[in-house]
Amino acid sequence: MPTAEHQGIPIHFADTGSGPPVVLGHSFLCSGEMWAPQVPALAESFRVINVDCRGHGRSGRAKGRCTLYDLVADQLVVLDHLGIERAVWA
């Protein structure tokens, strides 16, 4: 299970395919699993980075209040962990 740590919280992600990177964000009360039907098709042409937000899916729990900026920072930490400088977000 690949993870990157941010603020002491493990952030789970899946890294599938190759090509230009695409980061998938999920809605609240879901996880990256909501993208399961789309990932195989996207992975044929793109490097798909599917991140579970903190407190969702297989990522660690939020420690106190969590803002949208925290969730974006979590995803940036994953991209840094993978050495990705630019990506398209969905």
N, C-alpha and C. Protein backbone atom coordinates (compact mmCIF):
# COMPACT_ATOMS: atom_id res chain seq x y z
N MET A 1 0.86 -1.17 0.00
CA MET A 1 0.00 0.00 0.00
C MET A 1 0.90 1.24 0.00
N PRO A 2 1.03 1.94 -1.12
CA PRO A 2 1.89 3.12 -1.15
C PRO A 2 1.28 4.27 -0.35
N THR A 3 2.12 4.92 0.41
CA THR A 3 1.68 6.09 1.18
C THR A 3 2.78 7.15 1.16
N ALA A 4 2.35 8.38 1.37
CA ALA A 4 3.26 9.49 1.62
C ALA A 4 2.77 10.13 2.91
N GLU A 5 3.67 10.60 3.74
CA GLU A 5 3.27 11.16 5.02
C GLU A 5 3.25 12.69 4.96
N HIS A 6 2.17 13.27 5.53
CA HIS A 6 2.06 14.72 5.63
C HIS A 6 1.49 15.07 6.99
N GLN A 7 2.19 15.91 7.72
CA GLN A 7 1.77 16.34 9.06
C GLN A 7 1.53 15.13 9.96
N GLY A 8 2.34 14.09 9.79
CA GLY A 8 2.22 12.89 10.59
C GLY A 8 1.07 11.98 10.20
N ILE A 9 0.44 12.25 9.07
CA ILE A 9 -0.70 11.45 8.62
C ILE A 9 -0.32 10.70 7.35
N PRO A 10 -0.49 9.38 7.34
CA PRO A 10 -0.22 8.63 6.10
C PRO A 10 -1.31 8.89 5.07
N ILE A 11 -0.89 9.29 3.87
CA ILE A 11 -1.82 9.55 2.77
C ILE A 11 -1.65 8.43 1.75
N HIS A 12 -2.70 7.63 1.59
CA HIS A 12 -2.66 6.49 0.67
C HIS A 12 -2.93 6.96 -0.75
N PHE A 13 -2.26 6.31 -1.69
CA PHE A 13 -2.51 6.62 -3.10
C PHE A 13 -2.24 5.37 -3.93
N ALA A 14 -2.80 5.37 -5.13
CA ALA A 14 -2.49 4.35 -6.13
C ALA A 14 -1.88 5.07 -7.32
N ASP A 15 -0.88 4.46 -7.93
CA ASP A 15 -0.15 5.03 -9.06
C ASP A 15 -0.21 4.02 -10.18
N THR A 16 -0.99 4.31 -11.23
CA THR A 16 -1.27 3.34 -12.28
C THR A 16 -1.02 3.95 -13.66
N GLY A 17 -0.52 3.17 -14.57
CA GLY A 17 -0.37 3.60 -15.95
C GLY A 17 0.88 4.43 -16.17
N SER A 18 0.99 4.97 -17.40
CA SER A 18 2.11 5.83 -17.74
C SER A 18 1.63 6.88 -18.73
N GLY A 19 2.39 7.94 -18.81
CA GLY A 19 2.02 9.06 -19.66
C GLY A 19 1.90 10.31 -18.82
N PRO A 20 1.25 11.33 -19.34
CA PRO A 20 1.06 12.55 -18.56
C PRO A 20 0.27 12.24 -17.28
N PRO A 21 0.70 12.80 -16.14
CA PRO A 21 0.03 12.48 -14.88
C PRO A 21 -1.33 13.18 -14.72
N VAL A 22 -2.28 12.42 -14.22
CA VAL A 22 -3.62 12.91 -13.88
C VAL A 22 -3.88 12.54 -12.43
N VAL A 23 -4.24 13.52 -11.61
CA VAL A 23 -4.56 13.29 -10.20
C VAL A 23 -6.07 13.25 -10.06
N LEU A 24 -6.57 12.18 -9.46
CA LEU A 24 -8.01 12.05 -9.24
C LEU A 24 -8.35 12.43 -7.80
N GLY A 25 -9.28 13.32 -7.64
CA GLY A 25 -9.77 13.69 -6.31
C GLY A 25 -11.18 13.15 -6.13
N HIS A 26 -11.47 12.69 -4.95
CA HIS A 26 -12.80 12.13 -4.70
C HIS A 26 -13.64 13.09 -3.88
N SER A 27 -14.93 12.84 -3.85
CA SER A 27 -15.84 13.67 -3.06
C SER A 27 -15.77 13.26 -1.59
N PHE A 28 -16.27 14.13 -0.73
CA PHE A 28 -16.27 13.82 0.70
C PHE A 28 -17.17 12.62 0.96
N LEU A 29 -16.82 11.88 1.99
CA LEU A 29 -17.49 10.65 2.41
C LEU A 29 -17.32 9.51 1.41
N CYS A 30 -16.37 9.67 0.49
CA CYS A 30 -16.02 8.61 -0.46
C CYS A 30 -14.53 8.32 -0.31
N SER A 31 -13.98 7.64 -1.26
CA SER A 31 -12.54 7.40 -1.32
C SER A 31 -12.16 7.31 -2.79
N GLY A 32 -10.90 7.03 -3.03
CA GLY A 32 -10.46 6.86 -4.41
C GLY A 32 -11.17 5.72 -5.12
N GLU A 33 -11.80 4.85 -4.37
CA GLU A 33 -12.55 3.74 -4.97
C GLU A 33 -13.67 4.23 -5.88
N MET A 34 -14.14 5.46 -5.68
CA MET A 34 -15.22 5.97 -6.53
C MET A 34 -14.76 6.06 -8.00
N TRP A 35 -13.43 6.09 -8.22
CA TRP A 35 -12.88 6.18 -9.57
C TRP A 35 -12.56 4.81 -10.16
N ALA A 36 -12.81 3.73 -9.44
CA ALA A 36 -12.41 2.39 -9.90
C ALA A 36 -12.86 2.07 -11.33
N PRO A 37 -14.07 2.41 -11.74
CA PRO A 37 -14.47 2.09 -13.12
C PRO A 37 -13.69 2.87 -14.19
N GLN A 38 -13.21 4.07 -13.85
CA GLN A 38 -12.54 4.92 -14.83
C GLN A 38 -11.02 4.68 -14.91
N VAL A 39 -10.41 4.21 -13.81
CA VAL A 39 -8.95 4.10 -13.76
C VAL A 39 -8.38 3.24 -14.89
N PRO A 40 -8.91 2.03 -15.17
CA PRO A 40 -8.30 1.23 -16.24
C PRO A 40 -8.29 1.94 -17.59
N ALA A 41 -9.35 2.61 -17.95
CA ALA A 41 -9.39 3.31 -19.23
C ALA A 41 -8.43 4.49 -19.25
N LEU A 42 -8.38 5.26 -18.16
CA LEU A 42 -7.46 6.39 -18.09
C LEU A 42 -6.01 5.93 -18.11
N ALA A 43 -5.72 4.82 -17.45
CA ALA A 43 -4.34 4.32 -17.34
C ALA A 43 -3.78 3.85 -18.68
N GLU A 44 -4.63 3.67 -19.69
CA GLU A 44 -4.13 3.31 -21.01
C GLU A 44 -3.34 4.45 -21.65
N SER A 45 -3.65 5.70 -21.25
CA SER A 45 -3.00 6.86 -21.86
C SER A 45 -2.33 7.80 -20.88
N PHE A 46 -2.62 7.62 -19.57
CA PHE A 46 -2.14 8.56 -18.56
C PHE A 46 -1.55 7.82 -17.37
N ARG A 47 -0.71 8.53 -16.63
CA ARG A 47 -0.28 8.06 -15.32
C ARG A 47 -1.33 8.56 -14.34
N VAL A 48 -2.07 7.66 -13.74
CA VAL A 48 -3.21 8.00 -12.89
C VAL A 48 -2.78 7.92 -11.42
N ILE A 49 -2.87 9.05 -10.74
CA ILE A 49 -2.56 9.13 -9.32
C ILE A 49 -3.90 9.30 -8.59
N ASN A 50 -4.30 8.27 -7.87
CA ASN A 50 -5.60 8.24 -7.21
C ASN A 50 -5.37 8.30 -5.70
N VAL A 51 -5.64 9.45 -5.11
CA VAL A 51 -5.31 9.73 -3.71
C VAL A 51 -6.54 9.62 -2.83
N ASP A 52 -6.41 8.94 -1.68
CA ASP A 52 -7.45 8.96 -0.64
C ASP A 52 -7.16 10.16 0.26
N CYS A 53 -8.12 11.06 0.36
CA CYS A 53 -7.96 12.21 1.26
C CYS A 53 -7.81 11.73 2.70
N ARG A 54 -7.13 12.53 3.51
CA ARG A 54 -7.01 12.17 4.94
C ARG A 54 -8.40 11.98 5.52
N GLY A 55 -8.52 10.97 6.36
CA GLY A 55 -9.81 10.65 6.97
C GLY A 55 -10.75 9.86 6.07
N HIS A 56 -10.27 9.49 4.89
CA HIS A 56 -11.09 8.75 3.93
C HIS A 56 -10.30 7.54 3.43
N GLY A 57 -11.02 6.51 3.01
CA GLY A 57 -10.37 5.34 2.44
C GLY A 57 -9.30 4.78 3.34
N ARG A 58 -8.12 4.54 2.79
CA ARG A 58 -7.02 3.92 3.53
C ARG A 58 -6.03 4.94 4.09
N SER A 59 -6.32 6.23 3.93
CA SER A 59 -5.44 7.25 4.52
C SER A 59 -5.73 7.39 6.01
N GLY A 60 -4.77 8.01 6.72
CA GLY A 60 -4.92 8.20 8.16
C GLY A 60 -5.98 9.25 8.49
N ARG A 61 -6.37 9.24 9.73
CA ARG A 61 -7.39 10.17 10.21
C ARG A 61 -6.82 11.57 10.36
N ALA A 62 -7.68 12.56 10.15
CA ALA A 62 -7.30 13.95 10.38
C ALA A 62 -7.10 14.16 11.88
N LYS A 63 -6.12 14.96 12.23
CA LYS A 63 -5.83 15.27 13.63
C LYS A 63 -6.33 16.68 13.91
N GLY A 64 -7.61 16.79 14.19
CA GLY A 64 -8.21 18.10 14.42
C GLY A 64 -8.88 18.62 13.15
N ARG A 65 -9.04 19.92 13.12
CA ARG A 65 -9.71 20.53 11.97
C ARG A 65 -8.90 20.32 10.70
N CYS A 66 -9.62 20.17 9.62
CA CYS A 66 -9.00 19.93 8.33
C CYS A 66 -9.67 20.85 7.31
N THR A 67 -8.87 21.58 6.55
CA THR A 67 -9.41 22.49 5.54
C THR A 67 -9.17 21.93 4.15
N LEU A 68 -9.79 22.55 3.18
CA LEU A 68 -9.56 22.19 1.80
C LEU A 68 -8.08 22.38 1.45
N TYR A 69 -7.45 23.40 2.03
CA TYR A 69 -6.03 23.64 1.79
C TYR A 69 -5.17 22.48 2.32
N ASP A 70 -5.58 21.88 3.44
CA ASP A 70 -4.86 20.71 3.96
C ASP A 70 -4.96 19.55 2.97
N LEU A 71 -6.15 19.35 2.40
CA LEU A 71 -6.34 18.24 1.46
C LEU A 71 -5.52 18.45 0.19
N VAL A 72 -5.46 19.69 -0.29
CA VAL A 72 -4.64 19.99 -1.46
C VAL A 72 -3.17 19.76 -1.13
N ALA A 73 -2.74 20.21 0.03
CA ALA A 73 -1.34 20.02 0.45
C ALA A 73 -1.02 18.53 0.54
N ASP A 74 -1.96 17.71 1.02
CA ASP A 74 -1.74 16.26 1.07
C ASP A 74 -1.46 15.72 -0.34
N GLN A 75 -2.22 16.16 -1.31
CA GLN A 75 -2.03 15.67 -2.67
C GLN A 75 -0.72 16.17 -3.26
N LEU A 76 -0.33 17.39 -2.92
CA LEU A 76 0.96 17.90 -3.38
C LEU A 76 2.12 17.10 -2.78
N VAL A 77 1.96 16.67 -1.54
CA VAL A 77 2.98 15.82 -0.91
C VAL A 77 3.11 14.50 -1.67
N VAL A 78 2.00 13.94 -2.08
CA VAL A 78 2.04 12.69 -2.87
C VAL A 78 2.78 12.94 -4.18
N LEU A 79 2.45 14.04 -4.86
CA LEU A 79 3.14 14.34 -6.12
C LEU A 79 4.64 14.54 -5.90
N ASP A 80 5.01 15.25 -4.84
CA ASP A 80 6.43 15.42 -4.52
C ASP A 80 7.09 14.06 -4.25
N HIS A 81 6.40 13.21 -3.50
CA HIS A 81 6.90 11.87 -3.18
C HIS A 81 7.20 11.08 -4.46
N LEU A 82 6.36 11.28 -5.47
CA LEU A 82 6.51 10.56 -6.74
C LEU A 82 7.43 11.28 -7.73
N GLY A 83 7.89 12.50 -7.37
CA GLY A 83 8.74 13.25 -8.26
C GLY A 83 8.02 13.87 -9.45
N ILE A 84 6.72 14.14 -9.26
CA ILE A 84 5.91 14.72 -10.33
C ILE A 84 5.82 16.23 -10.10
N GLU A 85 6.23 17.01 -11.11
CA GLU A 85 6.21 18.46 -10.98
C GLU A 85 4.93 19.10 -11.49
N ARG A 86 4.28 18.46 -12.48
CA ARG A 86 3.06 19.01 -13.07
C ARG A 86 2.07 17.88 -13.30
N ALA A 87 0.80 18.21 -13.12
CA ALA A 87 -0.25 17.21 -13.35
C ALA A 87 -1.56 17.91 -13.66
N VAL A 88 -2.45 17.18 -14.26
CA VAL A 88 -3.83 17.62 -14.48
C VAL A 88 -4.64 17.05 -13.33
N TRP A 89 -5.54 17.85 -12.76
CA TRP A 89 -6.37 17.40 -11.63
C TRP A 89 -7.80 17.19 -12.11
N ALA A 90 -8.39 16.10 -11.64
CA ALA A 90 -9.79 15.82 -11.95
C ALA A 90 -10.53 15.54 -10.66
